[in-house]
Amino acid sequence: MKVELIVVSSTGVLIRGKMSGAVTQIPIEKEYEKNPDMTPEDIKKFREWLMSQPHLPGEHISDLNLAITFHSCENSSEVSKQVLDLHYTLKTLFTAFFKDREFDKEVEKALNTVLFALLPTPIDHGFRVLYARLIDPDAGNFNFPKAIRALMMGFDIWQQEEGTWPGFVIMIDMHLCTLSHVAKLDVMSIKQVLYFLQECMLVRLKGFHFLNAPYFMDKVMMLLKPFMKKSLMDIIHIHQPNSEELYKFVPKKAFPKEEGGEYKDHETIRDEMIERLKANDKFFKTEGLCRVNEALRPGGKSKIADLFSVQGSFKKLDID
């Protein structure tokens, strides 16, 4: 199947083309054009450090991934080293989201339940927007860890194709969400997702929006707040149903057609996401090699593992 590839040029202009579903990595040279304050020498030094770390899979981590990390850390060499280590440590540790990734029936079910779209229209400052919402109202089909697993598979493809973004905004549309969906969340999955997002997701996160907030939004925030830093709380925006306020951040035309926008309809977005993941089995097998060998870590096992030592014995949340 042929799908549409959308790439943002260094000037923020969208370039559209047709290609097979297999991911094509953006050339590292494009990153230097997009980010003149980042140089090949920066990435060379980053690579030299990486290859000196026996526990990290340096031979499988591309220069593009180093550039994405460097950019996400505001071009700080020392912060980049810490974040890169943590990024791949958590990808190793958070097995529900990142272990043995492939397109299977569970991922397909997740994508038939939750819609994920990287909206093609850049907003102010060239920021990109991830839009997510339920498309199946049946809470019985909702599985939060599987949805995150599917999302992160799609995200890794997007980032390999587009590289760095000036900023990244997440919009979660709560339409169709019920207390039954919230009750299916588990504390450990919430903790892991928010920890990964805040500490080592390789983006400059600039905004986090909840759209069509339901009457129980206060309960949702009660679940999230214990795992949120002030820096994340400061960029959260909660929009009531039918609020026009969100269009100050993202133009209405950028949204899918069902939301009154000019982008594709839900079915098309879903089907294209499914086809992308189906077409990239080789990519995920290769990416799966980018995991940490704790036995080789200088100084012993990472202490970060202690934060998630109860992984696998998740306690479900009780929602009144």
Foldseek 3Di string as FASTA:
>chain_A
DKDWDWEQALVRDTDIDIDALAFDFDDVVRLCVNPVVDDPVLLVVLLVVQVVFVFFPSVLQDSLNLSLLCVLVVNDSVLSVVQLVVLQALLQQVCLQRAPDADDPLLLLLLLFKFWDFQNHQWPPQEIEIEMETPDLDLVSDAVSSNNNLVVLLVVRSCRRHGATPEYEYEYECVSPDVSNVQNDFLLVLLSVLCCVPRHDSGHYQAYEYHQQDPCNVVVCVSNVVNDDVVHVVRYYYYHYPDPVCCVTPPQQRDDVVSVHVDHHRVVSSVSSSSSRNVHSVVSVSVNSRHTDQVRGPPGGDPVCVVNVVPPVTDGDDDD
